[in-house]
Amino acid sequence: TAFVTGYAAHLLLGLPFIVALLLGSTLGSTDPATLVPVFRQVKIKERVAQTVMSESAFNDAIGAIMTFAVLGIAVAYVRHKSNAAVLRASIRAWIFMIVTMASSGIFINALKLAVGRERPRLLFRDGTTGFHPFDLNLTDCGFPSGHAQSICTAMLSLSFIYPPLRPVFFLIAMLICASRIIIGAHYAGDVTAGIYIAIFAAVVWRQWFERDGISVTLTRPAAD
């Protein structure tokens, strides 16, 4: 969807392809919340509805990863296209972030599927709390929190890439994580697990990318 939308925007609107692809990445994923009212109006099999919403839940993470990836590479190319060494370092740093987000996102969705812990809304609505392992309806599975994992992975990766902005990145991550508990989307344990997975992924991938002594940090001279 992202590539089709991007290519169409490139042809019809005359946008540079990288900008058009960024637009496609932003619009490509479907939020599961938008499907709930649709399926209330359109009568389809429950199993089909659960499968479509589960696929949409996976798209949340993929959409965020693609958007960050295209944005990072586009900015790096525009700023450093005249300096090949700096361009390579910038793209390498963004690839580190992409790999970290993608791997932890895939793992966390697989873990959600395997655990199948109900979200707080089911407790408030039906008075139930339990586990349904390997239930394809991922929209009702809350452990671990995918939003907490996504934002913490992104902000931790950025804090390694741009250390001077680390306090800002950490503040953003904390606010988003807290909001998932406040609005009743997740239990505190769901969010905590998502944070731990994000930390583990960011630290492990940073060590792997820096195994040859080349840092993922972009210093001020490299950014100029």
N, C-alpha and C. Protein backbone atom coordinates (compact mmCIF):
# COMPACT_ATOMS: atom_id res chain seq x y z
N THR A 1 0.82 -1.20 0.00
CA THR A 1 0.00 0.00 0.00
C THR A 1 0.86 1.25 0.00
N ALA A 2 1.91 1.25 0.82
CA ALA A 2 2.80 2.41 0.90
C ALA A 2 3.47 2.70 -0.44
N PHE A 3 3.96 1.64 -1.11
CA PHE A 3 4.64 1.84 -2.39
C PHE A 3 3.65 2.26 -3.48
N VAL A 4 2.46 1.67 -3.49
CA VAL A 4 1.46 2.04 -4.50
C VAL A 4 1.04 3.50 -4.31
N THR A 5 0.76 3.89 -3.06
CA THR A 5 0.37 5.27 -2.77
C THR A 5 1.50 6.23 -3.13
N GLY A 6 2.73 5.85 -2.75
CA GLY A 6 3.87 6.69 -3.05
C GLY A 6 4.10 6.87 -4.54
N TYR A 7 3.98 5.76 -5.28
CA TYR A 7 4.20 5.83 -6.73
C TYR A 7 3.10 6.66 -7.40
N ALA A 8 1.86 6.51 -6.93
CA ALA A 8 0.75 7.29 -7.48
C ALA A 8 0.95 8.78 -7.20
N ALA A 9 1.39 9.10 -5.98
CA ALA A 9 1.65 10.51 -5.65
C ALA A 9 2.79 11.07 -6.50
N HIS A 10 3.79 10.23 -6.76
CA HIS A 10 4.91 10.65 -7.60
C HIS A 10 4.44 10.97 -9.02
N LEU A 11 3.56 10.13 -9.56
CA LEU A 11 3.09 10.33 -10.93
C LEU A 11 2.07 11.46 -11.03
N LEU A 12 1.10 11.47 -10.10
CA LEU A 12 -0.02 12.39 -10.22
C LEU A 12 0.28 13.78 -9.67
N LEU A 13 1.06 13.84 -8.59
CA LEU A 13 1.33 15.13 -7.95
C LEU A 13 2.69 15.71 -8.33
N GLY A 14 3.51 14.89 -9.00
CA GLY A 14 4.82 15.37 -9.40
C GLY A 14 5.80 15.52 -8.25
N LEU A 15 5.56 14.82 -7.15
CA LEU A 15 6.45 14.90 -6.00
C LEU A 15 7.72 14.10 -6.26
N PRO A 16 8.86 14.53 -5.69
CA PRO A 16 10.06 13.68 -5.75
C PRO A 16 9.74 12.32 -5.16
N PHE A 17 10.34 11.26 -5.71
CA PHE A 17 9.92 9.92 -5.31
C PHE A 17 10.10 9.68 -3.82
N ILE A 18 11.19 10.17 -3.22
CA ILE A 18 11.43 9.91 -1.79
C ILE A 18 10.37 10.61 -0.94
N VAL A 19 9.93 11.81 -1.39
CA VAL A 19 8.86 12.53 -0.67
C VAL A 19 7.53 11.80 -0.84
N ALA A 20 7.27 11.33 -2.06
CA ALA A 20 6.04 10.59 -2.32
C ALA A 20 6.01 9.29 -1.52
N LEU A 21 7.16 8.63 -1.39
CA LEU A 21 7.22 7.39 -0.62
C LEU A 21 7.00 7.67 0.87
N LEU A 22 7.47 8.81 1.35
CA LEU A 22 7.21 9.19 2.74
C LEU A 22 5.72 9.39 2.96
N LEU A 23 5.04 10.01 1.99
CA LEU A 23 3.58 10.17 2.07
C LEU A 23 2.89 8.82 2.09
N GLY A 24 3.33 7.91 1.22
CA GLY A 24 2.75 6.57 1.19
C GLY A 24 2.97 5.81 2.47
N SER A 25 4.14 5.95 3.06
CA SER A 25 4.45 5.26 4.32
C SER A 25 3.57 5.77 5.45
N THR A 26 3.30 7.07 5.44
CA THR A 26 2.47 7.67 6.48
C THR A 26 1.02 7.22 6.37
N LEU A 27 0.53 7.08 5.13
CA LEU A 27 -0.88 6.74 4.91
C LEU A 27 -1.13 5.24 4.76
N GLY A 28 -0.06 4.46 4.62
CA GLY A 28 -0.21 3.06 4.23
C GLY A 28 -0.83 2.14 5.25
N SER A 29 -0.55 2.35 6.52
CA SER A 29 -1.06 1.42 7.53
C SER A 29 -2.49 1.77 7.93
N THR A 30 -3.21 0.76 8.42
CA THR A 30 -4.60 0.92 8.84
C THR A 30 -4.70 0.68 10.34
N ASP A 31 -5.19 1.66 11.07
CA ASP A 31 -5.35 1.51 12.51
C ASP A 31 -6.50 0.55 12.80
N PRO A 32 -6.29 -0.45 13.67
CA PRO A 32 -7.37 -1.39 13.98
C PRO A 32 -8.63 -0.71 14.51
N ALA A 33 -8.44 0.44 15.18
CA ALA A 33 -9.60 1.14 15.75
C ALA A 33 -10.56 1.61 14.66
N THR A 34 -10.05 1.88 13.47
CA THR A 34 -10.92 2.34 12.38
C THR A 34 -11.75 1.20 11.81
N LEU A 35 -11.33 -0.04 12.04
CA LEU A 35 -12.04 -1.18 11.47
C LEU A 35 -13.22 -1.62 12.32
N VAL A 36 -13.16 -1.32 13.62
CA VAL A 36 -14.22 -1.77 14.53
C VAL A 36 -15.59 -1.23 14.10
N PRO A 37 -15.75 0.09 13.90
CA PRO A 37 -17.08 0.57 13.46
C PRO A 37 -17.47 0.06 12.08
N VAL A 38 -16.49 -0.19 11.21
CA VAL A 38 -16.80 -0.72 9.88
C VAL A 38 -17.42 -2.10 9.99
N PHE A 39 -16.81 -2.95 10.82
CA PHE A 39 -17.31 -4.32 10.96
C PHE A 39 -18.62 -4.39 11.74
N ARG A 40 -18.93 -3.30 12.46
CA ARG A 40 -20.24 -3.26 13.11
C ARG A 40 -21.35 -3.01 12.09
N GLN A 41 -21.01 -2.33 11.01
CA GLN A 41 -21.98 -2.02 9.96
C GLN A 41 -22.04 -3.10 8.88
N VAL A 42 -20.86 -3.67 8.57
CA VAL A 42 -20.76 -4.68 7.51
C VAL A 42 -20.70 -6.06 8.16
N LYS A 43 -21.64 -6.89 7.85
CA LYS A 43 -21.72 -8.21 8.45
C LYS A 43 -20.80 -9.20 7.73
N ILE A 44 -19.74 -9.61 8.41
CA ILE A 44 -18.84 -10.63 7.88
C ILE A 44 -18.55 -11.63 8.99
N LYS A 45 -17.94 -12.73 8.65
CA LYS A 45 -17.64 -13.76 9.64
C LYS A 45 -16.68 -13.22 10.70
N GLU A 46 -16.93 -13.61 11.93
CA GLU A 46 -16.11 -13.14 13.05
C GLU A 46 -14.64 -13.49 12.85
N ARG A 47 -14.39 -14.69 12.33
CA ARG A 47 -13.02 -15.14 12.12
C ARG A 47 -12.30 -14.25 11.11
N VAL A 48 -13.02 -13.87 10.06
CA VAL A 48 -12.44 -13.00 9.03
C VAL A 48 -12.15 -11.62 9.63
N ALA A 49 -13.08 -11.09 10.41
CA ALA A 49 -12.89 -9.78 11.04
C ALA A 49 -11.67 -9.79 11.96
N GLN A 50 -11.52 -10.85 12.75
CA GLN A 50 -10.38 -10.95 13.66
C GLN A 50 -9.07 -11.02 12.89
N THR A 51 -9.06 -11.77 11.79
CA THR A 51 -7.85 -11.89 10.99
C THR A 51 -7.45 -10.56 10.38
N VAL A 52 -8.44 -9.83 9.85
CA VAL A 52 -8.15 -8.53 9.24
C VAL A 52 -7.65 -7.54 10.29
N MET A 53 -8.26 -7.52 11.46
CA MET A 53 -7.83 -6.59 12.51
C MET A 53 -6.45 -6.97 13.04
N SER A 54 -6.15 -8.25 13.09
CA SER A 54 -4.82 -8.69 13.53
C SER A 54 -3.77 -8.26 12.53
N GLU A 55 -4.07 -8.41 11.24
CA GLU A 55 -3.14 -7.95 10.20
C GLU A 55 -2.93 -6.45 10.31
N SER A 56 -4.01 -5.72 10.62
CA SER A 56 -3.91 -4.28 10.78
C SER A 56 -3.06 -3.92 11.99
N ALA A 57 -3.13 -4.72 13.05
CA ALA A 57 -2.31 -4.47 14.23
C ALA A 57 -0.83 -4.60 13.90
N PHE A 58 -0.48 -5.59 13.08
CA PHE A 58 0.91 -5.72 12.63
C PHE A 58 1.31 -4.50 11.80
N ASN A 59 0.37 -3.95 11.02
CA ASN A 59 0.67 -2.80 10.17
C ASN A 59 1.04 -1.57 10.96
N ASP A 60 0.52 -1.45 12.18
CA ASP A 60 0.86 -0.30 13.01
C ASP A 60 2.37 -0.16 13.15
N ALA A 61 3.01 -1.24 13.55
CA ALA A 61 4.47 -1.21 13.75
C ALA A 61 5.21 -1.04 12.43
N ILE A 62 4.77 -1.77 11.41
CA ILE A 62 5.43 -1.68 10.11
C ILE A 62 5.32 -0.28 9.54
N GLY A 63 4.16 0.35 9.70
CA GLY A 63 3.97 1.71 9.20
C GLY A 63 4.90 2.70 9.88
N ALA A 64 5.04 2.57 11.20
CA ALA A 64 5.95 3.46 11.93
C ALA A 64 7.39 3.25 11.49
N ILE A 65 7.78 1.99 11.32
CA ILE A 65 9.15 1.68 10.91
C ILE A 65 9.44 2.25 9.52
N MET A 66 8.51 2.05 8.57
CA MET A 66 8.71 2.55 7.22
C MET A 66 8.80 4.07 7.20
N THR A 67 7.95 4.73 7.99
CA THR A 67 7.95 6.19 8.01
C THR A 67 9.28 6.72 8.55
N PHE A 68 9.74 6.15 9.66
CA PHE A 68 11.03 6.55 10.21
C PHE A 68 12.15 6.28 9.23
N ALA A 69 12.09 5.13 8.57
CA ALA A 69 13.15 4.73 7.64
C ALA A 69 13.25 5.70 6.48
N VAL A 70 12.12 5.95 5.82
CA VAL A 70 12.13 6.83 4.65
C VAL A 70 12.49 8.25 5.05
N LEU A 71 11.96 8.73 6.18
CA LEU A 71 12.27 10.08 6.64
C LEU A 71 13.76 10.23 6.94
N GLY A 72 14.32 9.26 7.65
CA GLY A 72 15.73 9.34 8.00
C GLY A 72 16.64 9.32 6.79
N ILE A 73 16.36 8.43 5.86
CA ILE A 73 17.19 8.33 4.66
C ILE A 73 17.03 9.57 3.79
N ALA A 74 15.82 10.10 3.71
CA ALA A 74 15.59 11.30 2.90
C ALA A 74 16.35 12.49 3.47
N VAL A 75 16.26 12.68 4.79
CA VAL A 75 16.96 13.79 5.42
C VAL A 75 18.47 13.63 5.27
N ALA A 76 18.96 12.41 5.45
CA ALA A 76 20.41 12.17 5.31
C ALA A 76 20.87 12.47 3.89
N TYR A 77 20.09 12.07 2.92
CA TYR A 77 20.49 12.29 1.52
C TYR A 77 20.50 13.78 1.19
N VAL A 78 19.46 14.50 1.61
CA VAL A 78 19.38 15.93 1.30
C VAL A 78 20.51 16.71 1.96
N ARG A 79 20.81 16.37 3.20
CA ARG A 79 21.81 17.14 3.95
C ARG A 79 23.24 16.78 3.58
N HIS A 80 23.49 15.52 3.20
CA HIS A 80 24.88 15.07 3.06
C HIS A 80 25.20 14.45 1.70
N LYS A 81 24.39 14.73 0.69
CA LYS A 81 24.63 14.09 -0.61
C LYS A 81 25.97 14.50 -1.23
N SER A 82 26.52 15.64 -0.79
CA SER A 82 27.80 16.08 -1.34
C SER A 82 28.99 15.49 -0.60
N ASN A 83 28.74 14.80 0.52
CA ASN A 83 29.81 14.21 1.32
C ASN A 83 29.50 12.72 1.51
N ALA A 84 30.16 11.88 0.72
CA ALA A 84 29.84 10.45 0.71
C ALA A 84 30.08 9.79 2.06
N ALA A 85 31.17 10.16 2.75
CA ALA A 85 31.49 9.53 4.03
C ALA A 85 30.43 9.85 5.08
N VAL A 86 30.03 11.11 5.14
CA VAL A 86 29.01 11.52 6.11
C VAL A 86 27.66 10.90 5.76
N LEU A 87 27.37 10.82 4.46
CA LEU A 87 26.12 10.21 4.02
C LEU A 87 26.05 8.74 4.44
N ARG A 88 27.15 8.01 4.26
CA ARG A 88 27.19 6.59 4.66
C ARG A 88 26.99 6.44 6.17
N ALA A 89 27.63 7.32 6.95
CA ALA A 89 27.50 7.25 8.41
C ALA A 89 26.05 7.53 8.84
N SER A 90 25.43 8.50 8.18
CA SER A 90 24.05 8.86 8.52
C SER A 90 23.09 7.72 8.17
N ILE A 91 23.25 7.16 6.97
CA ILE A 91 22.37 6.06 6.56
C ILE A 91 22.58 4.85 7.46
N ARG A 92 23.83 4.61 7.84
CA ARG A 92 24.13 3.48 8.73
C ARG A 92 23.44 3.66 10.09
N ALA A 93 23.44 4.88 10.61
CA ALA A 93 22.78 5.15 11.89
C ALA A 93 21.28 4.92 11.79
N TRP A 94 20.67 5.34 10.66
CA TRP A 94 19.24 5.15 10.48
C TRP A 94 18.90 3.68 10.27
N ILE A 95 19.78 2.95 9.60
CA ILE A 95 19.55 1.51 9.44
C ILE A 95 19.57 0.82 10.80
N PHE A 96 20.47 1.26 11.69
CA PHE A 96 20.50 0.74 13.06
C PHE A 96 19.14 0.92 13.74
N MET A 97 18.56 2.11 13.57
CA MET A 97 17.26 2.38 14.18
C MET A 97 16.16 1.53 13.55
N ILE A 98 16.20 1.39 12.23
CA ILE A 98 15.18 0.61 11.53
C ILE A 98 15.22 -0.85 11.96
N VAL A 99 16.42 -1.43 11.99
CA VAL A 99 16.58 -2.83 12.37
C VAL A 99 16.12 -3.06 13.81
N THR A 100 16.47 -2.12 14.68
CA THR A 100 16.07 -2.24 16.09
C THR A 100 14.56 -2.22 16.24
N MET A 101 13.91 -1.28 15.56
CA MET A 101 12.44 -1.19 15.64
C MET A 101 11.77 -2.39 15.00
N ALA A 102 12.28 -2.81 13.84
CA ALA A 102 11.64 -3.93 13.13
C ALA A 102 11.75 -5.23 13.91
N SER A 103 12.93 -5.55 14.40
CA SER A 103 13.13 -6.82 15.10
C SER A 103 12.33 -6.87 16.40
N SER A 104 12.35 -5.78 17.17
CA SER A 104 11.60 -5.78 18.43
C SER A 104 10.10 -5.76 18.16
N GLY A 105 9.68 -5.10 17.07
CA GLY A 105 8.26 -5.07 16.74
C GLY A 105 7.73 -6.44 16.35
N ILE A 106 8.50 -7.16 15.55
CA ILE A 106 8.10 -8.51 15.16
C ILE A 106 8.04 -9.42 16.38
N PHE A 107 9.06 -9.31 17.24
CA PHE A 107 9.10 -10.15 18.44
C PHE A 107 7.92 -9.87 19.35
N ILE A 108 7.59 -8.60 19.52
CA ILE A 108 6.54 -8.26 20.48
C ILE A 108 5.17 -8.70 19.98
N ASN A 109 4.94 -8.65 18.66
CA ASN A 109 3.66 -9.12 18.13
C ASN A 109 3.54 -10.64 18.23
N ALA A 110 4.67 -11.32 18.03
CA ALA A 110 4.67 -12.78 18.21
C ALA A 110 4.39 -13.14 19.67
N LEU A 111 4.96 -12.36 20.59
CA LEU A 111 4.74 -12.61 22.02
C LEU A 111 3.29 -12.31 22.40
N LYS A 112 2.73 -11.26 21.83
CA LYS A 112 1.31 -10.96 22.07
C LYS A 112 0.44 -12.14 21.66
N LEU A 113 0.74 -12.69 20.49
CA LEU A 113 -0.03 -13.82 19.98
C LEU A 113 0.10 -15.04 20.89
N ALA A 114 1.32 -15.29 21.38
CA ALA A 114 1.57 -16.46 22.20
C ALA A 114 0.95 -16.34 23.60
N VAL A 115 0.95 -15.13 24.16
CA VAL A 115 0.45 -14.93 25.53
C VAL A 115 -1.06 -14.71 25.54
N GLY A 116 -1.52 -13.79 24.70
CA GLY A 116 -2.95 -13.55 24.59
C GLY A 116 -3.59 -12.96 25.84
N ARG A 117 -2.89 -12.08 26.51
CA ARG A 117 -3.46 -11.47 27.72
C ARG A 117 -4.49 -10.40 27.36
N GLU A 118 -5.65 -10.46 28.00
CA GLU A 118 -6.72 -9.51 27.70
C GLU A 118 -6.35 -8.09 28.13
N ARG A 119 -6.87 -7.12 27.41
CA ARG A 119 -6.64 -5.71 27.73
C ARG A 119 -7.56 -5.25 28.86
N PRO A 120 -7.22 -4.14 29.52
CA PRO A 120 -8.06 -3.63 30.61
C PRO A 120 -9.49 -3.32 30.19
N ARG A 121 -9.71 -2.94 28.92
CA ARG A 121 -11.06 -2.58 28.50
C ARG A 121 -12.04 -3.75 28.64
N LEU A 122 -11.51 -4.97 28.50
CA LEU A 122 -12.38 -6.14 28.67
C LEU A 122 -12.75 -6.33 30.13
N LEU A 123 -11.84 -5.94 31.01
CA LEU A 123 -12.15 -5.99 32.44
C LEU A 123 -13.22 -4.97 32.79
N PHE A 124 -13.08 -3.75 32.25
CA PHE A 124 -14.05 -2.70 32.54
C PHE A 124 -15.41 -2.98 31.88
N ARG A 125 -15.39 -3.58 30.70
CA ARG A 125 -16.63 -3.81 29.95
C ARG A 125 -17.34 -5.09 30.36
N ASP A 126 -16.57 -6.18 30.46
CA ASP A 126 -17.17 -7.49 30.71
C ASP A 126 -16.83 -8.08 32.07
N GLY A 127 -15.91 -7.42 32.79
CA GLY A 127 -15.49 -7.96 34.07
C GLY A 127 -14.61 -9.19 33.96
N THR A 128 -13.94 -9.37 32.82
CA THR A 128 -13.10 -10.54 32.60
C THR A 128 -11.63 -10.14 32.51
N THR A 129 -10.79 -11.01 32.97
CA THR A 129 -9.35 -10.85 32.82
C THR A 129 -8.75 -12.24 32.69
N GLY A 130 -8.03 -12.46 31.63
CA GLY A 130 -7.50 -13.80 31.41
C GLY A 130 -6.54 -13.83 30.24
N PHE A 131 -6.22 -15.05 29.83
CA PHE A 131 -5.25 -15.26 28.76
C PHE A 131 -5.88 -16.16 27.69
N HIS A 132 -5.62 -15.82 26.44
CA HIS A 132 -6.11 -16.62 25.32
C HIS A 132 -4.97 -16.82 24.32
N PRO A 133 -4.06 -17.72 24.64
CA PRO A 133 -2.88 -17.93 23.77
C PRO A 133 -3.27 -18.28 22.34
N PHE A 134 -2.53 -17.69 21.41
CA PHE A 134 -2.67 -17.94 19.97
C PHE A 134 -4.07 -17.62 19.44
N ASP A 135 -4.70 -16.62 20.08
CA ASP A 135 -5.94 -16.07 19.55
C ASP A 135 -5.57 -15.03 18.50
N LEU A 136 -6.09 -15.17 17.28
CA LEU A 136 -5.71 -14.28 16.19
C LEU A 136 -6.20 -12.85 16.37
N ASN A 137 -7.10 -12.62 17.31
CA ASN A 137 -7.62 -11.27 17.54
C ASN A 137 -6.61 -10.48 18.38
N LEU A 138 -5.56 -9.98 17.72
CA LEU A 138 -4.50 -9.27 18.44
C LEU A 138 -4.96 -7.96 19.04
N THR A 139 -6.06 -7.40 18.53
CA THR A 139 -6.53 -6.13 19.08
C THR A 139 -6.98 -6.26 20.53
N ASP A 140 -7.30 -7.47 20.97
CA ASP A 140 -7.68 -7.69 22.36
C ASP A 140 -6.51 -8.18 23.21
N CYS A 141 -5.34 -8.37 22.59
CA CYS A 141 -4.16 -8.85 23.31
C CYS A 141 -3.29 -7.66 23.72
N GLY A 142 -3.00 -7.56 25.01
CA GLY A 142 -2.31 -6.36 25.49
C GLY A 142 -0.91 -6.56 25.99
N PHE A 143 -0.43 -7.78 26.09
CA PHE A 143 0.90 -8.02 26.66
C PHE A 143 1.84 -8.57 25.61
N PRO A 144 2.97 -7.87 25.42
CA PRO A 144 3.39 -6.57 25.96
C PRO A 144 2.79 -5.42 25.13
N SER A 145 2.99 -4.20 25.59
CA SER A 145 2.47 -3.04 24.89
C SER A 145 3.30 -2.73 23.65
N GLY A 146 2.65 -2.78 22.48
CA GLY A 146 3.35 -2.47 21.25
C GLY A 146 3.70 -0.99 21.13
N HIS A 147 2.81 -0.12 21.62
CA HIS A 147 3.10 1.31 21.57
C HIS A 147 4.30 1.66 22.46
N ALA A 148 4.35 1.05 23.65
CA ALA A 148 5.49 1.31 24.54
C ALA A 148 6.79 0.82 23.91
N GLN A 149 6.73 -0.37 23.29
CA GLN A 149 7.92 -0.90 22.62
C GLN A 149 8.35 0.00 21.47
N SER A 150 7.39 0.43 20.65
CA SER A 150 7.72 1.23 19.47
C SER A 150 8.33 2.57 19.85
N ILE A 151 7.68 3.30 20.76
CA ILE A 151 8.19 4.63 21.10
C ILE A 151 9.51 4.53 21.87
N CYS A 152 9.64 3.54 22.75
CA CYS A 152 10.88 3.42 23.51
C CYS A 152 12.04 2.98 22.61
N THR A 153 11.77 2.08 21.68
CA THR A 153 12.81 1.67 20.75
C THR A 153 13.26 2.84 19.90
N ALA A 154 12.29 3.61 19.39
CA ALA A 154 12.63 4.77 18.56
C ALA A 154 13.41 5.81 19.36
N MET A 155 12.95 6.13 20.55
CA MET A 155 13.61 7.18 21.34
C MET A 155 14.97 6.73 21.87
N LEU A 156 15.11 5.45 22.24
CA LEU A 156 16.42 4.95 22.67
C LEU A 156 17.41 4.97 21.51
N SER A 157 16.95 4.55 20.34
CA SER A 157 17.83 4.57 19.17
C SER A 157 18.27 5.99 18.86
N LEU A 158 17.32 6.92 18.89
CA LEU A 158 17.66 8.32 18.64
C LEU A 158 18.59 8.88 19.71
N SER A 159 18.44 8.42 20.95
CA SER A 159 19.32 8.90 22.01
C SER A 159 20.76 8.43 21.81
N PHE A 160 20.94 7.26 21.16
CA PHE A 160 22.28 6.80 20.81
C PHE A 160 22.83 7.57 19.62
N ILE A 161 21.94 7.94 18.69
CA ILE A 161 22.37 8.64 17.48
C ILE A 161 22.66 10.12 17.77
N TYR A 162 21.78 10.74 18.58
CA TYR A 162 21.93 12.16 18.94
C TYR A 162 21.93 12.32 20.46
N PRO A 163 23.03 12.00 21.14
CA PRO A 163 23.08 12.04 22.62
C PRO A 163 22.69 13.38 23.25
N PRO A 164 23.01 14.54 22.66
CA PRO A 164 22.63 15.80 23.32
C PRO A 164 21.12 15.96 23.52
N LEU A 165 20.32 15.29 22.69
CA LEU A 165 18.87 15.41 22.80
C LEU A 165 18.26 14.28 23.62
N ARG A 166 19.09 13.53 24.31
CA ARG A 166 18.61 12.37 25.06
C ARG A 166 17.51 12.71 26.07
N PRO A 167 17.64 13.80 26.87
CA PRO A 167 16.55 14.12 27.82
C PRO A 167 15.20 14.32 27.13
N VAL A 168 15.21 14.96 25.96
CA VAL A 168 13.96 15.18 25.23
C VAL A 168 13.37 13.85 24.77
N PHE A 169 14.20 12.98 24.24
CA PHE A 169 13.73 11.67 23.77
C PHE A 169 13.16 10.85 24.92
N PHE A 170 13.83 10.86 26.06
CA PHE A 170 13.35 10.10 27.22
C PHE A 170 12.01 10.65 27.72
N LEU A 171 11.87 11.98 27.71
CA LEU A 171 10.61 12.59 28.16
C LEU A 171 9.46 12.17 27.24
N ILE A 172 9.69 12.19 25.95
CA ILE A 172 8.65 11.77 24.99
C ILE A 172 8.25 10.32 25.25
N ALA A 173 9.25 9.45 25.44
CA ALA A 173 8.97 8.03 25.67
C ALA A 173 8.15 7.83 26.94
N MET A 174 8.52 8.54 28.01
CA MET A 174 7.81 8.40 29.28
C MET A 174 6.36 8.86 29.17
N LEU A 175 6.13 9.97 28.46
CA LEU A 175 4.77 10.49 28.32
C LEU A 175 3.88 9.53 27.52
N ILE A 176 4.41 8.99 26.44
CA ILE A 176 3.63 8.06 25.62
C ILE A 176 3.33 6.79 26.42
N CYS A 177 4.33 6.26 27.12
CA CYS A 177 4.12 5.04 27.91
C CYS A 177 3.08 5.26 29.00
N ALA A 178 3.18 6.41 29.68
CA ALA A 178 2.21 6.72 30.74
C ALA A 178 0.80 6.84 30.17
N SER A 179 0.69 7.40 28.98
CA SER A 179 -0.63 7.59 28.37
C SER A 179 -1.32 6.26 28.10
N ARG A 180 -0.56 5.21 27.80
CA ARG A 180 -1.16 3.90 27.51
C ARG A 180 -1.84 3.32 28.75
N ILE A 181 -1.32 3.65 29.92
CA ILE A 181 -1.93 3.19 31.18
C ILE A 181 -3.11 4.09 31.54
N ILE A 182 -2.92 5.40 31.38
CA ILE A 182 -3.94 6.37 31.78
C ILE A 182 -5.24 6.17 31.01
N ILE A 183 -5.15 5.90 29.70
CA ILE A 183 -6.35 5.74 28.89
C ILE A 183 -6.95 4.34 28.98
N GLY A 184 -6.30 3.47 29.74
CA GLY A 184 -6.82 2.13 29.95
C GLY A 184 -6.56 1.15 28.82
N ALA A 185 -5.58 1.48 27.96
CA ALA A 185 -5.27 0.58 26.85
C ALA A 185 -4.43 -0.61 27.30
N HIS A 186 -3.66 -0.42 28.39
CA HIS A 186 -2.76 -1.48 28.86
C HIS A 186 -2.66 -1.45 30.39
N TYR A 187 -2.35 -2.61 30.94
CA TYR A 187 -1.95 -2.68 32.34
C TYR A 187 -0.50 -2.18 32.46
N ALA A 188 -0.12 -1.80 33.67
CA ALA A 188 1.25 -1.31 33.88
C ALA A 188 2.28 -2.37 33.51
N GLY A 189 1.96 -3.64 33.77
CA GLY A 189 2.88 -4.72 33.43
C GLY A 189 3.09 -4.85 31.93
N ASP A 190 2.04 -4.57 31.14
CA ASP A 190 2.17 -4.62 29.69
C ASP A 190 3.17 -3.57 29.20
N VAL A 191 3.03 -2.37 29.73
CA VAL A 191 3.91 -1.26 29.34
C VAL A 191 5.34 -1.52 29.79
N THR A 192 5.49 -2.02 31.02
CA THR A 192 6.83 -2.31 31.54
C THR A 192 7.54 -3.35 30.69
N ALA A 193 6.81 -4.38 30.30
CA ALA A 193 7.41 -5.42 29.44
C ALA A 193 7.83 -4.84 28.10
N GLY A 194 7.00 -3.96 27.52
CA GLY A 194 7.36 -3.32 26.26
C GLY A 194 8.62 -2.48 26.38
N ILE A 195 8.77 -1.79 27.51
CA ILE A 195 9.96 -0.97 27.74
C ILE A 195 11.21 -1.85 27.84
N TYR A 196 11.12 -2.95 28.59
CA TYR A 196 12.28 -3.84 28.75
C TYR A 196 12.70 -4.44 27.41
N ILE A 197 11.73 -4.82 26.59
CA ILE A 197 12.05 -5.39 25.28
C ILE A 197 12.74 -4.34 24.42
N ALA A 198 12.26 -3.09 24.48
CA ALA A 198 12.86 -2.00 23.71
C ALA A 198 14.31 -1.76 24.14
N ILE A 199 14.55 -1.74 25.45
CA ILE A 199 15.91 -1.52 25.96
C ILE A 199 16.83 -2.64 25.51
N PHE A 200 16.37 -3.87 25.65
CA PHE A 200 17.19 -5.01 25.26
C PHE A 200 17.55 -4.94 23.78
N ALA A 201 16.54 -4.68 22.93
CA ALA A 201 16.79 -4.64 21.49
C ALA A 201 17.75 -3.51 21.12
N ALA A 202 17.55 -2.33 21.69
CA ALA A 202 18.40 -1.19 21.36
C ALA A 202 19.85 -1.43 21.77
N VAL A 203 20.05 -1.98 22.96
CA VAL A 203 21.41 -2.20 23.45
C VAL A 203 22.11 -3.30 22.65
N VAL A 204 21.39 -4.40 22.39
CA VAL A 204 21.99 -5.51 21.64
C VAL A 204 22.36 -5.09 20.22
N TRP A 205 21.45 -4.41 19.53
CA TRP A 205 21.74 -3.99 18.16
C TRP A 205 22.81 -2.91 18.10
N ARG A 206 22.86 -2.06 19.11
CA ARG A 206 23.94 -1.06 19.13
C ARG A 206 25.29 -1.74 19.24
N GLN A 207 25.38 -2.72 20.12
CA GLN A 207 26.64 -3.46 20.26
C GLN A 207 27.02 -4.16 18.95
N TRP A 208 26.01 -4.70 18.25
CA TRP A 208 26.30 -5.39 16.99
C TRP A 208 26.78 -4.41 15.92
N PHE A 209 26.13 -3.27 15.82
CA PHE A 209 26.52 -2.28 14.80
C PHE A 209 27.88 -1.65 15.11
N GLU A 210 28.25 -1.62 16.39
CA GLU A 210 29.52 -1.01 16.77
C GLU A 210 30.62 -2.04 17.01
N ARG A 211 30.40 -3.27 16.56
CA ARG A 211 31.37 -4.34 16.81
C ARG A 211 32.72 -4.08 16.13
N ASP A 212 32.73 -3.28 15.06
CA ASP A 212 33.98 -2.96 14.37
C ASP A 212 34.58 -1.64 14.83
N GLY A 213 34.03 -1.09 15.91
CA GLY A 213 34.55 0.16 16.45
C GLY A 213 33.99 1.41 15.82
N ILE A 214 32.99 1.26 14.93
CA ILE A 214 32.36 2.42 14.29
C ILE A 214 31.08 2.75 15.03
N SER A 215 31.02 3.92 15.62
CA SER A 215 29.87 4.30 16.44
C SER A 215 28.66 4.67 15.59
N VAL A 216 27.46 4.42 16.15
CA VAL A 216 26.25 4.85 15.47
C VAL A 216 25.92 6.30 15.80
N THR A 217 26.68 6.91 16.71
CA THR A 217 26.45 8.29 17.10
C THR A 217 26.88 9.23 15.98
N LEU A 218 26.02 10.19 15.67
CA LEU A 218 26.35 11.20 14.68
C LEU A 218 26.82 12.45 15.43
N THR A 219 28.11 12.70 15.34
CA THR A 219 28.67 13.88 16.02
C THR A 219 28.37 15.14 15.24
N ARG A 220 28.56 16.28 15.87
CA ARG A 220 28.25 17.56 15.23
C ARG A 220 29.06 17.78 13.94
N PRO A 221 30.35 17.47 13.92
CA PRO A 221 31.07 17.65 12.65
C PRO A 221 30.50 16.80 11.53
N ALA A 222 30.02 15.57 11.86
CA ALA A 222 29.48 14.68 10.82
C ALA A 222 28.14 15.16 10.33
N ALA A 223 27.44 15.95 11.15
CA ALA A 223 26.10 16.39 10.75
C ALA A 223 26.15 17.67 9.92
N ASP A 224 27.27 18.34 9.90
CA ASP A 224 27.38 19.57 9.15
C ASP A 224 27.61 19.31 7.67
